[in-house]
Amino acid sequence: MKTPINNDFTQVVAGRRSIRKYDPSVKISKEEMTQILEESTLAPSSVNMQPWRFLVIESPEGKAKLAPLARFNQTQVETSAAVIAIFGDMNNFDYAEEIYGAAVERGLMPLEVKEKQLASFSKYFSVLPPEVTRETVLIDGGLVSMQLMLVARAHGYDTNPIGGFERDQIAEAFDLDKDRYVPVMLLSVGKAADEGYASVRLPVDRVAEWK
């Protein structure tokens, strides 16, 4: 496992920029990208269902297919090491037994607790309106996306979250079930070719209250 090159959390957070132009000669190996995604999926999710799904678009063919779906973000698509399409899986509860079963096998949860929780969750999910599931997977997808941005930076890469793309077309374009997989965002990843732009944040007293 490759050790991240930057373990200074303050520098990772404060130095993050949305980078639109990357060094096209820098690639990320499948091994390192796998590690980045593994670290990213330590993010929390509702009842630990981990509804995030990643499509790592790095090949010339994949980027050519993506390009017309992200018309206003061509530089990111063309120069990044990869563009990661992040989806939320509407059928995420299908993995409940696998997730909770593994927790029992590893001694993280007693069997009786697992059985009780899954029985309760099964009843809940069986009547859950699709719009509630959609809202939940989008929130969880946002959590993992932010974590991915910070993890990538710790590995020495930069990112740009992209919301401007053809959301109604991207799943089918890459042979995914559009009713099952809800697009969260695109995230370009690579080695920055410039420093990006610093931006202003509202002071905390404008965005927070104490009662």
C-alpha atoms as a PDB file:
ATOM      1  CA  MET A   1       0.000   0.000   0.000  1.00  0.00           C
ATOM      2  CA  LYS A   2       1.367   3.394  -0.983  1.00  0.00           C
ATOM      3  CA  THR A   3       1.743   5.900   1.839  1.00  0.00           C
ATOM      4  CA  PRO A   4       0.037   9.238   1.141  1.00  0.00           C
ATOM      5  CA  ILE A   5       2.623  11.935   0.511  1.00  0.00           C
ATOM      6  CA  ASN A   6       0.909  14.553   2.668  1.00  0.00           C
ATOM      7  CA  ASN A   7      -0.356  13.753   6.148  1.00  0.00           C
ATOM      8  CA  ASP A   8      -0.695  17.401   7.186  1.00  0.00           C
ATOM      9  CA  PHE A   9      -4.475  17.650   7.520  1.00  0.00           C
ATOM     10  CA  THR A  10      -4.529  21.447   7.723  1.00  0.00           C
ATOM     11  CA  GLN A  11      -2.492  21.716   4.537  1.00  0.00           C
ATOM     12  CA  VAL A  12      -4.689  19.166   2.766  1.00  0.00           C
ATOM     13  CA  VAL A  13      -7.888  21.032   3.680  1.00  0.00           C
ATOM     14  CA  ALA A  14      -6.704  24.638   3.419  1.00  0.00           C
ATOM     15  CA  GLY A  15      -4.706  24.043   0.248  1.00  0.00           C
ATOM     16  CA  ARG A  16      -7.428  22.326  -1.733  1.00  0.00           C
ATOM     17  CA  ARG A  17      -8.370  24.116  -4.942  1.00  0.00           C
ATOM     18  CA  SER A  18     -10.737  23.259  -7.770  1.00  0.00           C
ATOM     19  CA  ILE A  19      -8.285  22.522 -10.557  1.00  0.00           C
ATOM     20  CA  ARG A  20      -9.455  22.627 -14.157  1.00  0.00           C
ATOM     21  CA  LYS A  21      -6.184  22.036 -16.000  1.00  0.00           C
ATOM     22  CA  TYR A  22      -3.916  19.063 -15.323  1.00  0.00           C
ATOM     23  CA  ASP A  23      -0.595  17.702 -16.515  1.00  0.00           C
ATOM     24  CA  PRO A  24      -1.784  15.181 -19.131  1.00  0.00           C
ATOM     25  CA  SER A  25       1.452  13.182 -18.845  1.00  0.00           C
ATOM     26  CA  VAL A  26       0.680  12.192 -15.237  1.00  0.00           C
ATOM     27  CA  LYS A  27      -1.352   9.017 -14.871  1.00  0.00           C
ATOM     28  CA  ILE A  28      -2.651   7.276 -11.751  1.00  0.00           C
ATOM     29  CA  SER A  29      -2.094   3.531 -11.606  1.00  0.00           C
ATOM     30  CA  LYS A  30      -5.041   1.243 -11.023  1.00  0.00           C
ATOM     31  CA  GLU A  31      -3.374   0.129  -7.791  1.00  0.00           C
ATOM     32  CA  GLU A  32      -3.128   3.658  -6.416  1.00  0.00           C
ATOM     33  CA  MET A  33      -6.593   4.637  -7.633  1.00  0.00           C
ATOM     34  CA  THR A  34      -7.953   1.563  -5.870  1.00  0.00           C
ATOM     35  CA  GLN A  35      -6.235   2.679  -2.669  1.00  0.00           C
ATOM     36  CA  ILE A  36      -7.632   6.205  -3.039  1.00  0.00           C
ATOM     37  CA  LEU A  37     -11.139   4.802  -3.456  1.00  0.00           C
ATOM     38  CA  GLU A  38     -10.704   2.415  -0.513  1.00  0.00           C
ATOM     39  CA  GLU A  39      -9.694   5.291   1.750  1.00  0.00           C
ATOM     40  CA  SER A  40     -12.554   7.401   0.419  1.00  0.00           C
ATOM     41  CA  THR A  41     -15.124   4.718   1.230  1.00  0.00           C
ATOM     42  CA  LEU A  42     -14.307   5.050   4.911  1.00  0.00           C
ATOM     43  CA  ALA A  43     -16.814   7.922   4.742  1.00  0.00           C
ATOM     44  CA  PRO A  44     -20.045   7.438   6.701  1.00  0.00           C
ATOM     45  CA  SER A  45     -23.343   6.440   5.107  1.00  0.00           C
ATOM     46  CA  SER A  46     -26.909   5.851   6.241  1.00  0.00           C
ATOM     47  CA  VAL A  47     -27.039   2.536   8.185  1.00  0.00           C
ATOM     48  CA  ASN A  48     -23.665   1.779   6.556  1.00  0.00           C
ATOM     49  CA  MET A  49     -25.242   0.772   3.245  1.00  0.00           C
ATOM     50  CA  GLN A  50     -22.420   2.475   1.296  1.00  0.00           C
ATOM     51  CA  PRO A  51     -24.576   3.351  -1.743  1.00  0.00           C
ATOM     52  CA  TRP A  52     -21.746   5.004  -3.666  1.00  0.00           C
ATOM     53  CA  ARG A  53     -20.620   3.515  -6.960  1.00  0.00           C
ATOM     54  CA  PHE A  54     -17.628   4.767  -8.946  1.00  0.00           C
ATOM     55  CA  LEU A  55     -16.983   4.751 -12.664  1.00  0.00           C
ATOM     56  CA  VAL A  56     -13.314   5.609 -13.298  1.00  0.00           C
ATOM     57  CA  ILE A  57     -13.130   7.054 -16.787  1.00  0.00           C
ATOM     58  CA  GLU A  58      -9.471   7.156 -17.855  1.00  0.00           C
ATOM     59  CA  SER A  59      -9.139   5.546 -21.290  1.00  0.00           C
ATOM     60  CA  PRO A  60      -9.197   7.644 -24.480  1.00  0.00           C
ATOM     61  CA  GLU A  61     -12.364   5.783 -25.495  1.00  0.00           C
ATOM     62  CA  GLY A  62     -14.051   6.459 -22.177  1.00  0.00           C
ATOM     63  CA  LYS A  63     -13.126  10.137 -22.237  1.00  0.00           C
ATOM     64  CA  ALA A  64     -14.354  10.461 -25.825  1.00  0.00           C
ATOM     65  CA  LYS A  65     -17.686   9.055 -24.719  1.00  0.00           C
ATOM     66  CA  LEU A  66     -17.807  11.414 -21.731  1.00  0.00           C
ATOM     67  CA  ALA A  67     -16.773  14.575 -23.591  1.00  0.00           C
ATOM     68  CA  PRO A  68     -20.149  15.436 -25.197  1.00  0.00           C
ATOM     69  CA  LEU A  69     -21.875  14.813 -21.862  1.00  0.00           C
ATOM     70  CA  ALA A  70     -19.664  17.370 -20.090  1.00  0.00           C
ATOM     71  CA  ARG A  71     -19.508  20.050 -22.753  1.00  0.00           C
ATOM     72  CA  PHE A  72     -18.528  22.907 -20.432  1.00  0.00           C
ATOM     73  CA  ASN A  73     -15.728  20.992 -18.744  1.00  0.00           C
ATOM     74  CA  GLN A  74     -13.653  19.814 -21.692  1.00  0.00           C
ATOM     75  CA  THR A  75     -10.288  20.839 -20.230  1.00  0.00           C
ATOM     76  CA  GLN A  76     -10.813  18.673 -17.155  1.00  0.00           C
ATOM     77  CA  VAL A  77     -11.912  15.721 -19.260  1.00  0.00           C
ATOM     78  CA  GLU A  78      -9.013  16.019 -21.696  1.00  0.00           C
ATOM     79  CA  THR A  79      -6.108  16.716 -19.303  1.00  0.00           C
ATOM     80  CA  SER A  80      -6.969  14.847 -16.085  1.00  0.00           C
ATOM     81  CA  ALA A  81      -5.620  11.418 -15.244  1.00  0.00           C
ATOM     82  CA  ALA A  82      -9.234  10.322 -14.816  1.00  0.00           C
ATOM     83  CA  VAL A  83     -12.745  11.595 -14.379  1.00  0.00           C
ATOM     84  CA  ILE A  84     -14.636   9.660 -11.740  1.00  0.00           C
ATOM     85  CA  ALA A  85     -18.398   9.511 -12.209  1.00  0.00           C
ATOM     86  CA  ILE A  86     -19.967   9.021  -8.798  1.00  0.00           C
ATOM     87  CA  PHE A  87     -23.399   7.419  -8.605  1.00  0.00           C
ATOM     88  CA  GLY A  88     -25.806   6.510  -5.837  1.00  0.00           C
ATOM     89  CA  ASP A  89     -27.212   2.978  -6.003  1.00  0.00           C
ATOM     90  CA  MET A  90     -30.978   2.953  -5.436  1.00  0.00           C
ATOM     91  CA  ASN A  91     -30.740  -0.817  -4.747  1.00  0.00           C
ATOM     92  CA  ASN A  92     -28.050  -0.437  -2.106  1.00  0.00           C
ATOM     93  CA  PHE A  93     -29.946  -2.544   0.444  1.00  0.00           C
ATOM     94  CA  ASP A  94     -29.192  -5.575  -1.744  1.00  0.00           C
ATOM     95  CA  TYR A  95     -25.739  -5.514  -0.118  1.00  0.00           C
ATOM     96  CA  ALA A  96     -27.001  -5.466   3.475  1.00  0.00           C
ATOM     97  CA  GLU A  97     -26.374  -9.160   4.149  1.00  0.00           C
ATOM     98  CA  GLU A  98     -22.862  -8.962   2.702  1.00  0.00           C
ATOM     99  CA  ILE A  99     -21.957  -5.878   4.745  1.00  0.00           C
ATOM    100  CA  TYR A 100     -23.445  -6.956   8.053  1.00  0.00           C
ATOM    101  CA  GLY A 101     -22.377 -10.576   7.576  1.00  0.00           C
ATOM    102  CA  ALA A 102     -18.775  -9.439   7.163  1.00  0.00           C
ATOM    103  CA  ALA A 103     -19.080  -7.389  10.349  1.00  0.00           C
ATOM    104  CA  VAL A 104     -20.104 -10.554  12.237  1.00  0.00           C
ATOM    105  CA  GLU A 105     -17.277 -12.599  10.684  1.00  0.00           C
ATOM    106  CA  ARG A 106     -14.716 -10.000  11.744  1.00  0.00           C
ATOM    107  CA  GLY A 107     -16.026  -9.872  15.290  1.00  0.00           C
ATOM    108  CA  LEU A 108     -17.327  -6.337  14.960  1.00  0.00           C
ATOM    109  CA  MET A 109     -20.959  -7.221  15.602  1.00  0.00           C
ATOM    110  CA  PRO A 110     -22.726 -10.079  17.448  1.00  0.00           C
ATOM    111  CA  LEU A 111     -24.839 -12.310  15.202  1.00  0.00           C
ATOM    112  CA  GLU A 112     -28.015 -11.570  17.152  1.00  0.00           C
ATOM    113  CA  VAL A 113     -27.512  -7.829  16.706  1.00  0.00           C
ATOM    114  CA  LYS A 114     -27.007  -8.292  12.968  1.00  0.00           C
ATOM    115  CA  GLU A 115     -30.188 -10.387  12.636  1.00  0.00           C
ATOM    116  CA  LYS A 116     -32.243  -7.918  14.653  1.00  0.00           C
ATOM    117  CA  GLN A 117     -30.981  -4.880  12.751  1.00  0.00           C
ATOM    118  CA  LEU A 118     -31.416  -6.402   9.303  1.00  0.00           C
ATOM    119  CA  ALA A 119     -34.951  -7.523  10.121  1.00  0.00           C
ATOM    120  CA  SER A 120     -35.771  -3.980  11.188  1.00  0.00           C
ATOM    121  CA  PHE A 121     -34.052  -2.399   8.191  1.00  0.00           C
ATOM    122  CA  SER A 122     -35.758  -4.810   5.789  1.00  0.00           C
ATOM    123  CA  LYS A 123     -39.196  -3.675   6.932  1.00  0.00           C
ATOM    124  CA  TYR A 124     -38.138  -0.037   6.702  1.00  0.00           C
ATOM    125  CA  PHE A 125     -36.602  -0.277   3.222  1.00  0.00           C
ATOM    126  CA  SER A 126     -39.529  -2.276   1.851  1.00  0.00           C
ATOM    127  CA  VAL A 127     -41.889   0.684   2.262  1.00  0.00           C
ATOM    128  CA  LEU A 128     -39.422   3.520   1.736  1.00  0.00           C
ATOM    129  CA  PRO A 129     -40.573   5.904  -1.021  1.00  0.00           C
ATOM    130  CA  PRO A 130     -38.103   6.126  -3.935  1.00  0.00           C
ATOM    131  CA  GLU A 131     -37.709   9.864  -3.453  1.00  0.00           C
ATOM    132  CA  VAL A 132     -36.449   9.306   0.109  1.00  0.00           C
ATOM    133  CA  THR A 133     -33.968   6.690  -1.089  1.00  0.00           C
ATOM    134  CA  ARG A 134     -32.796   9.062  -3.806  1.00  0.00           C
ATOM    135  CA  GLU A 135     -32.275  11.872  -1.318  1.00  0.00           C
ATOM    136  CA  THR A 136     -30.331   9.560   0.989  1.00  0.00           C
ATOM    137  CA  VAL A 137     -27.984   8.227  -1.686  1.00  0.00           C
ATOM    138  CA  LEU A 138     -27.284  11.759  -2.897  1.00  0.00           C
ATOM    139  CA  ILE A 139     -26.334  12.849   0.628  1.00  0.00           C
ATOM    140  CA  ASP A 140     -24.124   9.796   1.094  1.00  0.00           C
ATOM    141  CA  GLY A 141     -22.648  10.353  -2.361  1.00  0.00           C
ATOM    142  CA  GLY A 142     -21.753  13.911  -1.345  1.00  0.00           C
ATOM    143  CA  LEU A 143     -20.000  12.645   1.777  1.00  0.00           C
ATOM    144  CA  VAL A 144     -17.844  10.163  -0.131  1.00  0.00           C
ATOM    145  CA  SER A 145     -17.113  12.727  -2.852  1.00  0.00           C
ATOM    146  CA  MET A 146     -15.711  15.244  -0.377  1.00  0.00           C
ATOM    147  CA  GLN A 147     -13.648  12.540   1.270  1.00  0.00           C
ATOM    148  CA  LEU A 148     -12.338  11.469  -2.143  1.00  0.00           C
ATOM    149  CA  MET A 149     -11.197  15.019  -2.874  1.00  0.00           C
ATOM    150  CA  LEU A 150      -9.235  15.188   0.369  1.00  0.00           C
ATOM    151  CA  VAL A 151      -7.785  11.685  -0.007  1.00  0.00           C
ATOM    152  CA  ALA A 152      -6.643  12.481  -3.554  1.00  0.00           C
ATOM    153  CA  ARG A 153      -4.921  15.620  -2.285  1.00  0.00           C
ATOM    154  CA  ALA A 154      -3.172  13.625   0.425  1.00  0.00           C
ATOM    155  CA  HIS A 155      -1.846  11.391  -2.363  1.00  0.00           C
ATOM    156  CA  GLY A 156      -0.481  14.428  -4.195  1.00  0.00           C
ATOM    157  CA  TYR A 157      -3.285  14.934  -6.714  1.00  0.00           C
ATOM    158  CA  ASP A 158      -5.884  17.618  -7.238  1.00  0.00           C
ATOM    159  CA  THR A 159      -9.541  17.517  -8.169  1.00  0.00           C
ATOM    160  CA  ASN A 160     -12.479  19.451  -9.511  1.00  0.00           C
ATOM    161  CA  PRO A 161     -16.065  18.565  -8.601  1.00  0.00           C
ATOM    162  CA  ILE A 162     -18.279  18.925 -11.662  1.00  0.00           C
ATOM    163  CA  GLY A 163     -22.036  19.306 -11.560  1.00  0.00           C
ATOM    164  CA  GLY A 164     -22.489  20.526 -15.121  1.00  0.00           C
ATOM    165  CA  PHE A 165     -23.048  17.381 -17.172  1.00  0.00           C
ATOM    166  CA  GLU A 166     -25.903  15.505 -18.831  1.00  0.00           C
ATOM    167  CA  ARG A 167     -27.304  13.732 -15.779  1.00  0.00           C
ATOM    168  CA  ASP A 168     -30.127  12.127 -17.704  1.00  0.00           C
ATOM    169  CA  GLN A 169     -27.728  10.485 -20.180  1.00  0.00           C
ATOM    170  CA  ILE A 170     -24.547   9.517 -18.371  1.00  0.00           C
ATOM    171  CA  ALA A 171     -25.661   6.201 -16.846  1.00  0.00           C
ATOM    172  CA  GLU A 172     -26.981   4.781 -20.118  1.00  0.00           C
ATOM    173  CA  ALA A 173     -23.964   6.110 -22.035  1.00  0.00           C
ATOM    174  CA  PHE A 174     -21.793   3.799 -19.941  1.00  0.00           C
ATOM    175  CA  ASP A 175     -24.243   0.878 -19.968  1.00  0.00           C
ATOM    176  CA  LEU A 176     -25.637   1.427 -16.479  1.00  0.00           C
ATOM    177  CA  ASP A 177     -29.284   1.208 -15.433  1.00  0.00           C
ATOM    178  CA  LYS A 178     -30.389   4.840 -15.238  1.00  0.00           C
ATOM    179  CA  ASP A 179     -33.261   4.001 -12.893  1.00  0.00           C
ATOM    180  CA  ARG A 180     -30.916   2.302 -10.446  1.00  0.00           C
ATOM    181  CA  TYR A 181     -27.840   4.521 -10.594  1.00  0.00           C
ATOM    182  CA  VAL A 182     -28.394   8.177  -9.695  1.00  0.00           C
ATOM    183  CA  PRO A 183     -25.575  10.527 -10.779  1.00  0.00           C
ATOM    184  CA  VAL A 184     -24.076  12.535  -7.923  1.00  0.00           C
ATOM    185  CA  MET A 185     -21.211  14.373  -9.625  1.00  0.00           C
ATOM    186  CA  LEU A 186     -18.185  14.033 -11.837  1.00  0.00           C
ATOM    187  CA  LEU A 187     -14.794  14.463 -10.217  1.00  0.00           C
ATOM    188  CA  SER A 188     -11.699  15.127 -12.300  1.00  0.00           C
ATOM    189  CA  VAL A 189      -8.463  13.894 -10.712  1.00  0.00           C
ATOM    190  CA  GLY A 190      -4.857  14.491 -11.712  1.00  0.00           C
ATOM    191  CA  LYS A 191      -1.686  16.493 -11.191  1.00  0.00           C
ATOM    192  CA  ALA A 192      -2.431  20.201 -11.295  1.00  0.00           C
ATOM    193  CA  ALA A 193      -0.873  22.162 -14.143  1.00  0.00           C
ATOM    194  CA  ASP A 194      -1.492  25.419 -12.292  1.00  0.00           C
ATOM    195  CA  GLU A 195      -2.252  26.496  -8.740  1.00  0.00           C
ATOM    196  CA  GLY A 196      -5.919  27.216  -9.286  1.00  0.00           C
ATOM    197  CA  TYR A 197      -7.615  30.153  -7.638  1.00  0.00           C
ATOM    198  CA  ALA A 198      -8.015  30.967  -3.983  1.00  0.00           C
ATOM    199  CA  SER A 199     -11.597  31.820  -3.050  1.00  0.00           C
ATOM    200  CA  VAL A 200     -13.413  33.615  -0.269  1.00  0.00           C
ATOM    201  CA  ARG A 201     -15.503  31.920   2.411  1.00  0.00           C
ATOM    202  CA  LEU A 202     -18.128  33.639   4.502  1.00  0.00           C
ATOM    203  CA  PRO A 203     -17.051  34.067   8.127  1.00  0.00           C
ATOM    204  CA  VAL A 204     -18.421  31.506  10.547  1.00  0.00           C
ATOM    205  CA  ASP A 205     -20.575  34.108  12.320  1.00  0.00           C
ATOM    206  CA  ARG A 206     -22.498  34.526   9.047  1.00  0.00           C
ATOM    207  CA  VAL A 207     -23.229  30.841   8.593  1.00  0.00           C
ATOM    208  CA  ALA A 208     -23.554  29.467  12.134  1.00  0.00           C
ATOM    209  CA  GLU A 209     -25.625  30.201  15.206  1.00  0.00           C
ATOM    210  CA  TRP A 210     -25.307  29.132  18.813  1.00  0.00           C
ATOM    211  CA  LYS A 211     -28.406  28.700  20.973  1.00  0.00           C
END
